[in-house]
Amino acid sequence: SMLNPPAHAKKAVPDAFRRKLEEWFSNPAVVRALQ
């Protein structure tokens, strides 16, 4: 964001954090290992 980069980061970073955990823990090898 040109006008308010910190406000953008406050939304974009938590969204990316959640998305990364979803990707990592949906990895087929990880899913199998947790069973």
Full PDB file with SEQRES, HELIX, SHEET, SSBOND, CRYST1, ORIGX, SCALE, CONECT and MASTER records, all heavy atoms in Angstrom:
SEQRES   1 A   35  SER MET LEU ASN PRO PRO ALA HIS ALA LYS LYS ALA VAL          
SEQRES   2 A   35  PRO ASP ALA PHE ARG ARG LYS LEU GLU GLU TRP PHE SER          
SEQRES   3 A   35  ASN PRO ALA VAL VAL ARG ALA LEU GLN                          
HELIX    1 AA1 PRO A    5  TRP A   24  1                                  20    
HELIX    2 AA2 PRO A   28  LEU A   34  1                                   7    
CRYST1    1.000    1.000    1.000  90.00  90.00  90.00 P 1           1          
ORIGX1      1.000000  0.000000  0.000000        0.00000                         
ORIGX2      0.000000  1.000000  0.000000        0.00000                         
ORIGX3      0.000000  0.000000  1.000000        0.00000                         
SCALE1      1.000000  0.000000  0.000000        0.00000                         
SCALE2      0.000000  1.000000  0.000000        0.00000                         
SCALE3      0.000000  0.000000  1.000000        0.00000                         
ATOM      1  N   SER A   1       0.852  -1.182   0.000  1.00  0.00           N  
ATOM      2  CA  SER A   1       0.000   0.000   0.000  1.00  0.00           C  
ATOM      3  C   SER A   1       0.892   1.238   0.000  1.00  0.00           C  
ATOM      4  O   SER A   1       1.843   1.314   0.778  1.00  0.00           O  
ATOM      5  CB  SER A   1      -0.899   0.017   1.243  1.00  0.00           C  
ATOM      6  OG  SER A   1      -1.497   1.282   1.436  1.00  0.00           O  
ATOM      7  N   MET A   2       0.586   2.193  -0.856  1.00  0.00           N  
ATOM      8  CA  MET A   2       1.355   3.437  -0.861  1.00  0.00           C  
ATOM      9  C   MET A   2       0.973   4.338   0.308  1.00  0.00           C  
ATOM     10  O   MET A   2       1.806   5.037   0.869  1.00  0.00           O  
ATOM     11  CB  MET A   2       1.126   4.179  -2.182  1.00  0.00           C  
ATOM     12  CG  MET A   2       1.869   3.578  -3.356  1.00  0.00           C  
ATOM     13  SD  MET A   2       3.669   3.702  -3.168  1.00  0.00           S  
ATOM     14  CE  MET A   2       3.879   5.480  -3.258  1.00  0.00           C  
ATOM     15  N   LEU A   3      -0.312   4.332   0.696  1.00  0.00           N  
ATOM     16  CA  LEU A   3      -0.778   5.252   1.728  1.00  0.00           C  
ATOM     17  C   LEU A   3      -0.558   4.732   3.146  1.00  0.00           C  
ATOM     18  O   LEU A   3      -0.250   5.510   4.038  1.00  0.00           O  
ATOM     19  CB  LEU A   3      -2.268   5.568   1.511  1.00  0.00           C  
ATOM     20  CG  LEU A   3      -2.586   6.467   0.318  1.00  0.00           C  
ATOM     21  CD1 LEU A   3      -4.086   6.667   0.198  1.00  0.00           C  
ATOM     22  CD2 LEU A   3      -1.876   7.812   0.446  1.00  0.00           C  
ATOM     23  N   ASN A   4      -0.743   3.436   3.366  1.00  0.00           N  
ATOM     24  CA  ASN A   4      -0.617   2.909   4.724  1.00  0.00           C  
ATOM     25  C   ASN A   4      -0.052   1.492   4.697  1.00  0.00           C  
ATOM     26  O   ASN A   4      -0.781   0.517   4.917  1.00  0.00           O  
ATOM     27  CB  ASN A   4      -1.969   2.938   5.434  1.00  0.00           C  
ATOM     28  CG  ASN A   4      -1.831   2.829   6.943  1.00  0.00           C  
ATOM     29  OD1 ASN A   4      -0.828   2.331   7.454  1.00  0.00           O  
ATOM     30  ND2 ASN A   4      -2.848   3.293   7.663  1.00  0.00           N  
ATOM     31  N   PRO A   5       1.253   1.352   4.439  1.00  0.00           N  
ATOM     32  CA  PRO A   5       1.859   0.013   4.396  1.00  0.00           C  
ATOM     33  C   PRO A   5       1.698  -0.793   5.683  1.00  0.00           C  
ATOM     34  O   PRO A   5       1.435  -1.995   5.612  1.00  0.00           O  
ATOM     35  CB  PRO A   5       3.336   0.313   4.094  1.00  0.00           C  
ATOM     36  CG  PRO A   5       3.319   1.638   3.416  1.00  0.00           C  
ATOM     37  CD  PRO A   5       2.209   2.406   4.071  1.00  0.00           C  
ATOM     38  N   PRO A   6       1.849  -0.191   6.881  1.00  0.00           N  
ATOM     39  CA  PRO A   6       1.679  -0.995   8.102  1.00  0.00           C  
ATOM     40  C   PRO A   6       0.289  -1.619   8.225  1.00  0.00           C  
ATOM     41  O   PRO A   6       0.153  -2.753   8.676  1.00  0.00           O  
ATOM     42  CB  PRO A   6       1.954   0.008   9.227  1.00  0.00           C  
ATOM     43  CG  PRO A   6       2.852   1.021   8.611  1.00  0.00           C  
ATOM     44  CD  PRO A   6       2.336   1.166   7.210  1.00  0.00           C  
ATOM     45  N   ALA A   7      -0.745  -0.863   7.839  1.00  0.00           N  
ATOM     46  CA  ALA A   7      -2.104  -1.413   7.908  1.00  0.00           C  
ATOM     47  C   ALA A   7      -2.250  -2.594   6.962  1.00  0.00           C  
ATOM     48  O   ALA A   7      -2.900  -3.596   7.294  1.00  0.00           O  
ATOM     49  CB  ALA A   7      -3.130  -0.333   7.575  1.00  0.00           C  
ATOM     50  N   HIS A   8      -1.647  -2.485   5.785  1.00  0.00           N  
ATOM     51  CA  HIS A   8      -1.674  -3.606   4.849  1.00  0.00           C  
ATOM     52  C   HIS A   8      -0.984  -4.818   5.452  1.00  0.00           C  
ATOM     53  O   HIS A   8      -1.493  -5.946   5.370  1.00  0.00           O  
ATOM     54  CB  HIS A   8      -0.999  -3.215   3.539  1.00  0.00           C  
ATOM     55  CG  HIS A   8      -0.849  -4.362   2.589  1.00  0.00           C  
ATOM     56  ND1 HIS A   8      -1.863  -4.800   1.771  1.00  0.00           N  
ATOM     57  CD2 HIS A   8       0.216  -5.193   2.347  1.00  0.00           C  
ATOM     58  CE1 HIS A   8      -1.450  -5.841   1.064  1.00  0.00           C  
ATOM     59  NE2 HIS A   8      -0.200  -6.093   1.392  1.00  0.00           N  
ATOM     60  N   ALA A   9       0.186  -4.607   6.066  1.00  0.00           N  
ATOM     61  CA  ALA A   9       0.942  -5.721   6.661  1.00  0.00           C  
ATOM     62  C   ALA A   9       0.155  -6.402   7.773  1.00  0.00           C  
ATOM     63  O   ALA A   9       0.211  -7.625   7.928  1.00  0.00           O  
ATOM     64  CB  ALA A   9       2.284  -5.216   7.190  1.00  0.00           C  
ATOM     65  N   LYS A  10      -0.593  -5.617   8.539  1.00  0.00           N  
ATOM     66  CA  LYS A  10      -1.350  -6.186   9.654  1.00  0.00           C  
ATOM     67  C   LYS A  10      -2.419  -7.169   9.192  1.00  0.00           C  
ATOM     68  O   LYS A  10      -2.843  -8.035   9.960  1.00  0.00           O  
ATOM     69  CB  LYS A  10      -1.989  -5.068  10.486  1.00  0.00           C  
ATOM     70  CG  LYS A  10      -0.990  -4.326  11.361  1.00  0.00           C  
ATOM     71  CD  LYS A  10      -1.671  -3.259  12.196  1.00  0.00           C  
ATOM     72  CE  LYS A  10      -0.664  -2.561  13.090  1.00  0.00           C  
ATOM     73  NZ  LYS A  10      -1.306  -1.522  13.946  1.00  0.00           N  
ATOM     74  N   LYS A  11      -2.855  -7.025   7.958  1.00  0.00           N  
ATOM     75  CA  LYS A  11      -3.820  -7.981   7.397  1.00  0.00           C  
ATOM     76  C   LYS A  11      -3.119  -9.069   6.590  1.00  0.00           C  
ATOM     77  O   LYS A  11      -3.450 -10.255   6.707  1.00  0.00           O  
ATOM     78  CB  LYS A  11      -4.846  -7.259   6.510  1.00  0.00           C  
ATOM     79  CG  LYS A  11      -5.881  -8.221   5.922  1.00  0.00           C  
ATOM     80  CD  LYS A  11      -6.888  -7.509   5.057  1.00  0.00           C  
ATOM     81  CE  LYS A  11      -8.008  -8.466   4.631  1.00  0.00           C  
ATOM     82  NZ  LYS A  11      -7.493  -9.694   3.957  1.00  0.00           N  
ATOM     83  N   ALA A  12      -2.147  -8.668   5.774  1.00  0.00           N  
ATOM     84  CA  ALA A  12      -1.510  -9.614   4.857  1.00  0.00           C  
ATOM     85  C   ALA A  12      -0.668 -10.658   5.579  1.00  0.00           C  
ATOM     86  O   ALA A  12      -0.654 -11.830   5.184  1.00  0.00           O  
ATOM     87  CB  ALA A  12      -0.639  -8.859   3.848  1.00  0.00           C  
ATOM     88  N   VAL A  13       0.041 -10.261   6.634  1.00  0.00           N  
ATOM     89  CA  VAL A  13       0.929 -11.211   7.315  1.00  0.00           C  
ATOM     90  C   VAL A  13       0.148 -12.298   8.058  1.00  0.00           C  
ATOM     91  O   VAL A  13       0.453 -13.486   7.906  1.00  0.00           O  
ATOM     92  CB  VAL A  13       1.910 -10.474   8.249  1.00  0.00           C  
ATOM     93  CG1 VAL A  13       2.726 -11.471   9.054  1.00  0.00           C  
ATOM     94  CG2 VAL A  13       2.841  -9.575   7.434  1.00  0.00           C  
ATOM     95  N   PRO A  14      -0.872 -11.961   8.872  1.00  0.00           N  
ATOM     96  CA  PRO A  14      -1.651 -13.034   9.501  1.00  0.00           C  
ATOM     97  C   PRO A  14      -2.321 -13.962   8.482  1.00  0.00           C  
ATOM     98  O   PRO A  14      -2.406 -15.173   8.715  1.00  0.00           O  
ATOM     99  CB  PRO A  14      -2.700 -12.277  10.333  1.00  0.00           C  
ATOM    100  CG  PRO A  14      -2.063 -10.973  10.614  1.00  0.00           C  
ATOM    101  CD  PRO A  14      -1.279 -10.640   9.375  1.00  0.00           C  
ATOM    102  N   ASP A  15      -2.786 -13.401   7.364  1.00  0.00           N  
ATOM    103  CA  ASP A  15      -3.382 -14.251   6.324  1.00  0.00           C  
ATOM    104  C   ASP A  15      -2.339 -15.227   5.773  1.00  0.00           C  
ATOM    105  O   ASP A  15      -2.638 -16.411   5.549  1.00  0.00           O  
ATOM    106  CB  ASP A  15      -3.932 -13.390   5.180  1.00  0.00           C  
ATOM    107  CG  ASP A  15      -5.209 -12.652   5.549  1.00  0.00           C  
ATOM    108  OD1 ASP A  15      -5.796 -12.968   6.610  1.00  0.00           O  
ATOM    109  OD2 ASP A  15      -5.615 -11.768   4.776  1.00  0.00           O  
ATOM    110  N   ALA A  16      -1.120 -14.734   5.550  1.00  0.00           N  
ATOM    111  CA  ALA A  16      -0.056 -15.596   5.029  1.00  0.00           C  
ATOM    112  C   ALA A  16       0.353 -16.636   6.065  1.00  0.00           C  
ATOM    113  O   ALA A  16       0.627 -17.794   5.721  1.00  0.00           O  
ATOM    114  CB  ALA A  16       1.151 -14.749   4.627  1.00  0.00           C  
ATOM    115  N   PHE A  17       0.398 -16.258   7.323  1.00  0.00           N  
ATOM    116  CA  PHE A  17       0.723 -17.190   8.417  1.00  0.00           C  
ATOM    117  C   PHE A  17      -0.266 -18.351   8.437  1.00  0.00           C  
ATOM    118  O   PHE A  17       0.125 -19.526   8.475  1.00  0.00           O  
ATOM    119  CB  PHE A  17       0.695 -16.424   9.738  1.00  0.00           C  
ATOM    120  CG  PHE A  17       0.720 -17.275  10.971  1.00  0.00           C  
ATOM    121  CD1 PHE A  17       1.843 -18.015  11.303  1.00  0.00           C  
ATOM    122  CD2 PHE A  17      -0.381 -17.312  11.823  1.00  0.00           C  
ATOM    123  CE1 PHE A  17       1.866 -18.789  12.455  1.00  0.00           C  
ATOM    124  CE2 PHE A  17      -0.361 -18.077  12.968  1.00  0.00           C  
ATOM    125  CZ  PHE A  17       0.773 -18.817  13.293  1.00  0.00           C  
ATOM    126  N   ARG A  18      -1.537 -18.021   8.406  1.00  0.00           N  
ATOM    127  CA  ARG A  18      -2.566 -19.068   8.421  1.00  0.00           C  
ATOM    128  C   ARG A  18      -2.472 -19.946   7.170  1.00  0.00           C  
ATOM    129  O   ARG A  18      -2.576 -21.180   7.250  1.00  0.00           O  
ATOM    130  CB  ARG A  18      -3.947 -18.428   8.536  1.00  0.00           C  
ATOM    131  CG  ARG A  18      -5.089 -19.429   8.674  1.00  0.00           C  
ATOM    132  CD  ARG A  18      -6.395 -18.741   9.019  1.00  0.00           C  
ATOM    133  NE  ARG A  18      -6.754 -17.729   8.039  1.00  0.00           N  
ATOM    134  CZ  ARG A  18      -6.675 -16.411   8.257  1.00  0.00           C  
ATOM    135  NH1 ARG A  18      -6.245 -15.954   9.410  1.00  0.00           N  
ATOM    136  NH2 ARG A  18      -7.043 -15.567   7.312  1.00  0.00           N  
ATOM    137  N   ARG A  19      -2.239 -19.309   6.024  1.00  0.00           N  
ATOM    138  CA  ARG A  19      -2.139 -20.062   4.777  1.00  0.00           C  
ATOM    139  C   ARG A  19      -0.951 -21.014   4.777  1.00  0.00           C  
ATOM    140  O   ARG A  19      -1.056 -22.157   4.307  1.00  0.00           O  
ATOM    141  CB  ARG A  19      -2.032 -19.082   3.604  1.00  0.00           C  
ATOM    142  CG  ARG A  19      -2.066 -19.755   2.238  1.00  0.00           C  
ATOM    143  CD  ARG A  19      -2.064 -18.733   1.122  1.00  0.00           C  
ATOM    144  NE  ARG A  19      -0.807 -17.988   1.019  1.00  0.00           N  
ATOM    145  CZ  ARG A  19      -0.651 -16.722   1.384  1.00  0.00           C  
ATOM    146  NH1 ARG A  19      -1.673 -16.035   1.877  1.00  0.00           N  
ATOM    147  NH2 ARG A  19       0.528 -16.128   1.236  1.00  0.00           N  
ATOM    148  N   LYS A  20       0.168 -20.562   5.343  1.00  0.00           N  
ATOM    149  CA  LYS A  20       1.349 -21.418   5.400  1.00  0.00           C  
ATOM    150  C   LYS A  20       1.106 -22.641   6.283  1.00  0.00           C  
ATOM    151  O   LYS A  20       1.474 -23.767   5.932  1.00  0.00           O  
ATOM    152  CB  LYS A  20       2.564 -20.636   5.906  1.00  0.00           C  
ATOM    153  CG  LYS A  20       3.123 -19.653   4.893  1.00  0.00           C  
ATOM    154  CD  LYS A  20       3.549 -20.381   3.631  1.00  0.00           C  
ATOM    155  CE  LYS A  20       3.930 -19.425   2.533  1.00  0.00           C  
ATOM    156  NZ  LYS A  20       4.114 -20.118   1.231  1.00  0.00           N  
ATOM    157  N   LEU A  21       0.502 -22.443   7.429  1.00  0.00           N  
ATOM    158  CA  LEU A  21       0.210 -23.595   8.293  1.00  0.00           C  
ATOM    159  C   LEU A  21      -0.733 -24.569   7.598  1.00  0.00           C  
ATOM    160  O   LEU A  21      -0.571 -25.788   7.717  1.00  0.00           O  
ATOM    161  CB  LEU A  21      -0.386 -23.127   9.620  1.00  0.00           C  
ATOM    162  CG  LEU A  21       0.570 -22.424  10.589  1.00  0.00           C  
ATOM    163  CD1 LEU A  21      -0.153 -22.061  11.875  1.00  0.00           C  
ATOM    164  CD2 LEU A  21       1.789 -23.293  10.906  1.00  0.00           C  
ATOM    165  N   GLU A  22      -1.696 -24.043   6.872  1.00  0.00           N  
ATOM    166  CA  GLU A  22      -2.613 -24.918   6.136  1.00  0.00           C  
ATOM    167  C   GLU A  22      -1.872 -25.720   5.071  1.00  0.00           C  
ATOM    168  O   GLU A  22      -2.117 -26.922   4.903  1.00  0.00           O  
ATOM    169  CB  GLU A  22      -3.723 -24.083   5.502  1.00  0.00           C  
ATOM    170  CG  GLU A  22      -4.686 -23.503   6.521  1.00  0.00           C  
ATOM    171  CD  GLU A  22      -5.704 -22.551   5.922  1.00  0.00           C  
ATOM    172  OE1 GLU A  22      -5.536 -22.152   4.749  1.00  0.00           O  
ATOM    173  OE2 GLU A  22      -6.678 -22.202   6.626  1.00  0.00           O  
ATOM    174  N   GLU A  23      -0.947 -25.071   4.378  1.00  0.00           N  
ATOM    175  CA  GLU A  23      -0.163 -25.775   3.358  1.00  0.00           C  
ATOM    176  C   GLU A  23       0.723 -26.850   3.989  1.00  0.00           C  
ATOM    177  O   GLU A  23       0.767 -27.991   3.517  1.00  0.00           O  
ATOM    178  CB  GLU A  23       0.718 -24.771   2.598  1.00  0.00           C  
ATOM    179  CG  GLU A  23      -0.044 -23.823   1.698  1.00  0.00           C  
ATOM    180  CD  GLU A  23       0.865 -22.772   1.082  1.00  0.00           C  
ATOM    181  OE1 GLU A  23       2.103 -22.833   1.314  1.00  0.00           O  
ATOM    182  OE2 GLU A  23       0.353 -21.880   0.372  1.00  0.00           O  
ATOM    183  N   TRP A  24       1.428 -26.487   5.042  1.00  0.00           N  
ATOM    184  CA  TRP A  24       2.375 -27.422   5.657  1.00  0.00           C  
ATOM    185  C   TRP A  24       1.666 -28.642   6.238  1.00  0.00           C  
ATOM    186  O   TRP A  24       2.137 -29.769   6.087  1.00  0.00           O  
ATOM    187  CB  TRP A  24       3.174 -26.718   6.750  1.00  0.00           C  
ATOM    188  CG  TRP A  24       3.964 -25.539   6.267  1.00  0.00           C  
ATOM    189  CD1 TRP A  24       4.298 -25.226   4.970  1.00  0.00           C  
ATOM    190  CD2 TRP A  24       4.491 -24.478   7.067  1.00  0.00           C  
ATOM    191  NE1 TRP A  24       5.009 -24.056   4.923  1.00  0.00           N  
ATOM    192  CE2 TRP A  24       5.146 -23.566   6.184  1.00  0.00           C  
ATOM    193  CE3 TRP A  24       4.495 -24.204   8.434  1.00  0.00           C  
ATOM    194  CZ2 TRP A  24       5.795 -22.416   6.642  1.00  0.00           C  
ATOM    195  CZ3 TRP A  24       5.135 -23.053   8.891  1.00  0.00           C  
ATOM    196  CH2 TRP A  24       5.775 -22.183   8.001  1.00  0.00           C  
ATOM    197  N   PHE A  25       0.551 -28.399   6.912  1.00  0.00           N  
ATOM    198  CA  PHE A  25      -0.139 -29.502   7.578  1.00  0.00           C  
ATOM    199  C   PHE A  25      -1.149 -30.204   6.667  1.00  0.00           C  
ATOM    200  O   PHE A  25      -1.839 -31.122   7.112  1.00  0.00           O  
ATOM    201  CB  PHE A  25      -0.809 -29.009   8.866  1.00  0.00           C  
ATOM    202  CG  PHE A  25       0.159 -28.860  10.005  1.00  0.00           C  
ATOM    203  CD1 PHE A  25       0.876 -27.683  10.171  1.00  0.00           C  
ATOM    204  CD2 PHE A  25       0.393 -29.904  10.876  1.00  0.00           C  
ATOM    205  CE1 PHE A  25       1.796 -27.540  11.202  1.00  0.00           C  
ATOM    206  CE2 PHE A  25       1.302 -29.784  11.910  1.00  0.00           C  
ATOM    207  CZ  PHE A  25       2.008 -28.596  12.078  1.00  0.00           C  
ATOM    208  N   SER A  26      -1.217 -29.785   5.413  1.00  0.00           N  
ATOM    209  CA  SER A  26      -1.974 -30.531   4.408  1.00  0.00           C  
ATOM    210  C   SER A  26      -1.036 -31.277   3.470  1.00  0.00           C  
ATOM    211  O   SER A  26      -1.496 -31.953   2.539  1.00  0.00           O  
ATOM    212  CB  SER A  26      -2.880 -29.581   3.604  1.00  0.00           C  
ATOM    213  OG  SER A  26      -3.846 -28.978   4.447  1.00  0.00           O  
ATOM    214  N   ASN A  27       0.265 -31.166   3.717  1.00  0.00           N  
ATOM    215  CA  ASN A  27       1.250 -31.936   2.962  1.00  0.00           C  
ATOM    216  C   ASN A  27       0.956 -33.430   3.144  1.00  0.00           C  
ATOM    217  O   ASN A  27       0.784 -33.891   4.275  1.00  0.00           O  
ATOM    218  CB  ASN A  27       2.647 -31.596   3.474  1.00  0.00           C  
ATOM    219  CG  ASN A  27       3.743 -32.368   2.785  1.00  0.00           C  
ATOM    220  OD1 ASN A  27       3.934 -33.551   3.058  1.00  0.00           O  
ATOM    221  ND2 ASN A  27       4.489 -31.717   1.922  1.00  0.00           N  
ATOM    222  N   PRO A  28       0.872 -34.211   2.067  1.00  0.00           N  
ATOM    223  CA  PRO A  28       0.481 -35.618   2.201  1.00  0.00           C  
ATOM    224  C   PRO A  28       1.335 -36.412   3.181  1.00  0.00           C  
ATOM    225  O   PRO A  28       0.807 -37.236   3.949  1.00  0.00           O  
ATOM    226  CB  PRO A  28       0.644 -36.164   0.775  1.00  0.00           C  
ATOM    227  CG  PRO A  28       0.425 -34.964  -0.102  1.00  0.00           C  
ATOM    228  CD  PRO A  28       1.018 -33.817   0.641  1.00  0.00           C  
ATOM    229  N   ALA A  29       2.646 -36.181   3.193  1.00  0.00           N  
ATOM    230  CA  ALA A  29       3.512 -36.913   4.121  1.00  0.00           C  
ATOM    231  C   ALA A  29       3.208 -36.561   5.562  1.00  0.00           C  
ATOM    232  O   ALA A  29       3.235 -37.425   6.456  1.00  0.00           O  
ATOM    233  CB  ALA A  29       4.989 -36.624   3.794  1.00  0.00           C  
ATOM    234  N   VAL A  30       2.901 -35.307   5.807  1.00  0.00           N  
ATOM    235  CA  VAL A  30       2.575 -34.861   7.178  1.00  0.00           C  
ATOM    236  C   VAL A  30       1.221 -35.421   7.600  1.00  0.00           C  
ATOM    237  O   VAL A  30       1.070 -35.912   8.730  1.00  0.00           O  
ATOM    238  CB  VAL A  30       2.579 -33.320   7.242  1.00  0.00           C  
ATOM    239  CG1 VAL A  30       2.050 -32.829   8.585  1.00  0.00           C  
ATOM    240  CG2 VAL A  30       3.993 -32.789   6.995  1.00  0.00           C  
ATOM    241  N   VAL A  31       0.251 -35.392   6.694  1.00  0.00           N  
ATOM    242  CA  VAL A  31      -1.074 -35.935   7.016  1.00  0.00           C  
ATOM    243  C   VAL A  31      -0.983 -37.413   7.365  1.00  0.00           C  
ATOM    244  O   VAL A  31      -1.557 -37.888   8.350  1.00  0.00           O  
ATOM    245  CB  VAL A  31      -2.043 -35.711   5.838  1.00  0.00           C  
ATOM    246  CG1 VAL A  31      -3.359 -36.460   6.058  1.00  0.00           C  
ATOM    247  CG2 VAL A  31      -2.324 -34.223   5.643  1.00  0.00           C  
ATOM    248  N   ARG A  32      -0.219 -38.175   6.553  1.00  0.00           N  
ATOM    249  CA  ARG A  32      -0.062 -39.624   6.831  1.00  0.00           C  
ATOM    250  C   ARG A  32       0.614 -39.854   8.172  1.00  0.00           C  
ATOM    251  O   ARG A  32       0.227 -40.747   8.934  1.00  0.00           O  
ATOM    252  CB  ARG A  32       0.739 -40.285   5.722  1.00  0.00           C  
ATOM    253  CG  ARG A  32       0.000 -40.472   4.418  1.00  0.00           C  
ATOM    254  CD  ARG A  32       0.736 -41.413   3.478  1.00  0.00           C  
ATOM    255  NE  ARG A  32       2.075 -40.915   3.145  1.00  0.00           N  
ATOM    256  CZ  ARG A  32       2.342 -40.125   2.103  1.00  0.00           C  
ATOM    257  NH1 ARG A  32       1.351 -39.725   1.314  1.00  0.00           N  
ATOM    258  NH2 ARG A  32       3.563 -39.718   1.867  1.00  0.00           N  
ATOM    259  N   ALA A  33       1.634 -39.074   8.456  1.00  0.00           N  
ATOM    260  CA  ALA A  33       2.400 -39.277   9.698  1.00  0.00           C  
ATOM    261  C   ALA A  33       1.572 -38.988  10.936  1.00  0.00           C  
ATOM    262  O   ALA A  33       1.816 -39.563  12.001  1.00  0.00           O  
ATOM    263  CB  ALA A  33       3.641 -38.400   9.671  1.00  0.00           C  
ATOM    264  N   LEU A  34       0.609 -38.100  10.824  1.00  0.00           N  
ATOM    265  CA  LEU A  34      -0.219 -37.755  11.990  1.00  0.00           C  
ATOM    266  C   LEU A  34      -1.289 -38.801  12.273  1.00  0.00           C  
ATOM    267  O   LEU A  34      -1.895 -38.782  13.357  1.00  0.00           O  
ATOM    268  CB  LEU A  34      -0.895 -36.394  11.777  1.00  0.00           C  
ATOM    269  CG  LEU A  34      -0.012 -35.169  12.017  1.00  0.00           C  
ATOM    270  CD1 LEU A  34      -0.707 -33.903  11.522  1.00  0.00           C  
ATOM    271  CD2 LEU A  34       0.352 -35.028  13.491  1.00  0.00           C  
ATOM    272  N   GLN A  35      -1.553 -39.712  11.338  1.00  0.00           N  
ATOM    273  CA  GLN A  35      -2.603 -40.699  11.525  1.00  0.00           C  
ATOM    274  C   GLN A  35      -2.227 -41.720  12.594  1.00  0.00           C  
ATOM    275  O   GLN A  35      -1.090 -42.053  12.780  1.00  0.00           O  
ATOM    276  CB  GLN A  35      -2.911 -41.416  10.196  1.00  0.00           C  
ATOM    277  CG  GLN A  35      -3.324 -40.462   9.085  1.00  0.00           C  
ATOM    278  CD  GLN A  35      -4.440 -39.528   9.492  1.00  0.00           C  
ATOM    279  OE1 GLN A  35      -5.511 -39.983   9.895  1.00  0.00           O  
ATOM    280  NE2 GLN A  35      -4.207 -38.233   9.375  1.00  0.00           N  
TER     281      GLN A  35                                                      
MASTER        0    0    0    2    0    0    0    6  280    1    0    3          
END                                                                             
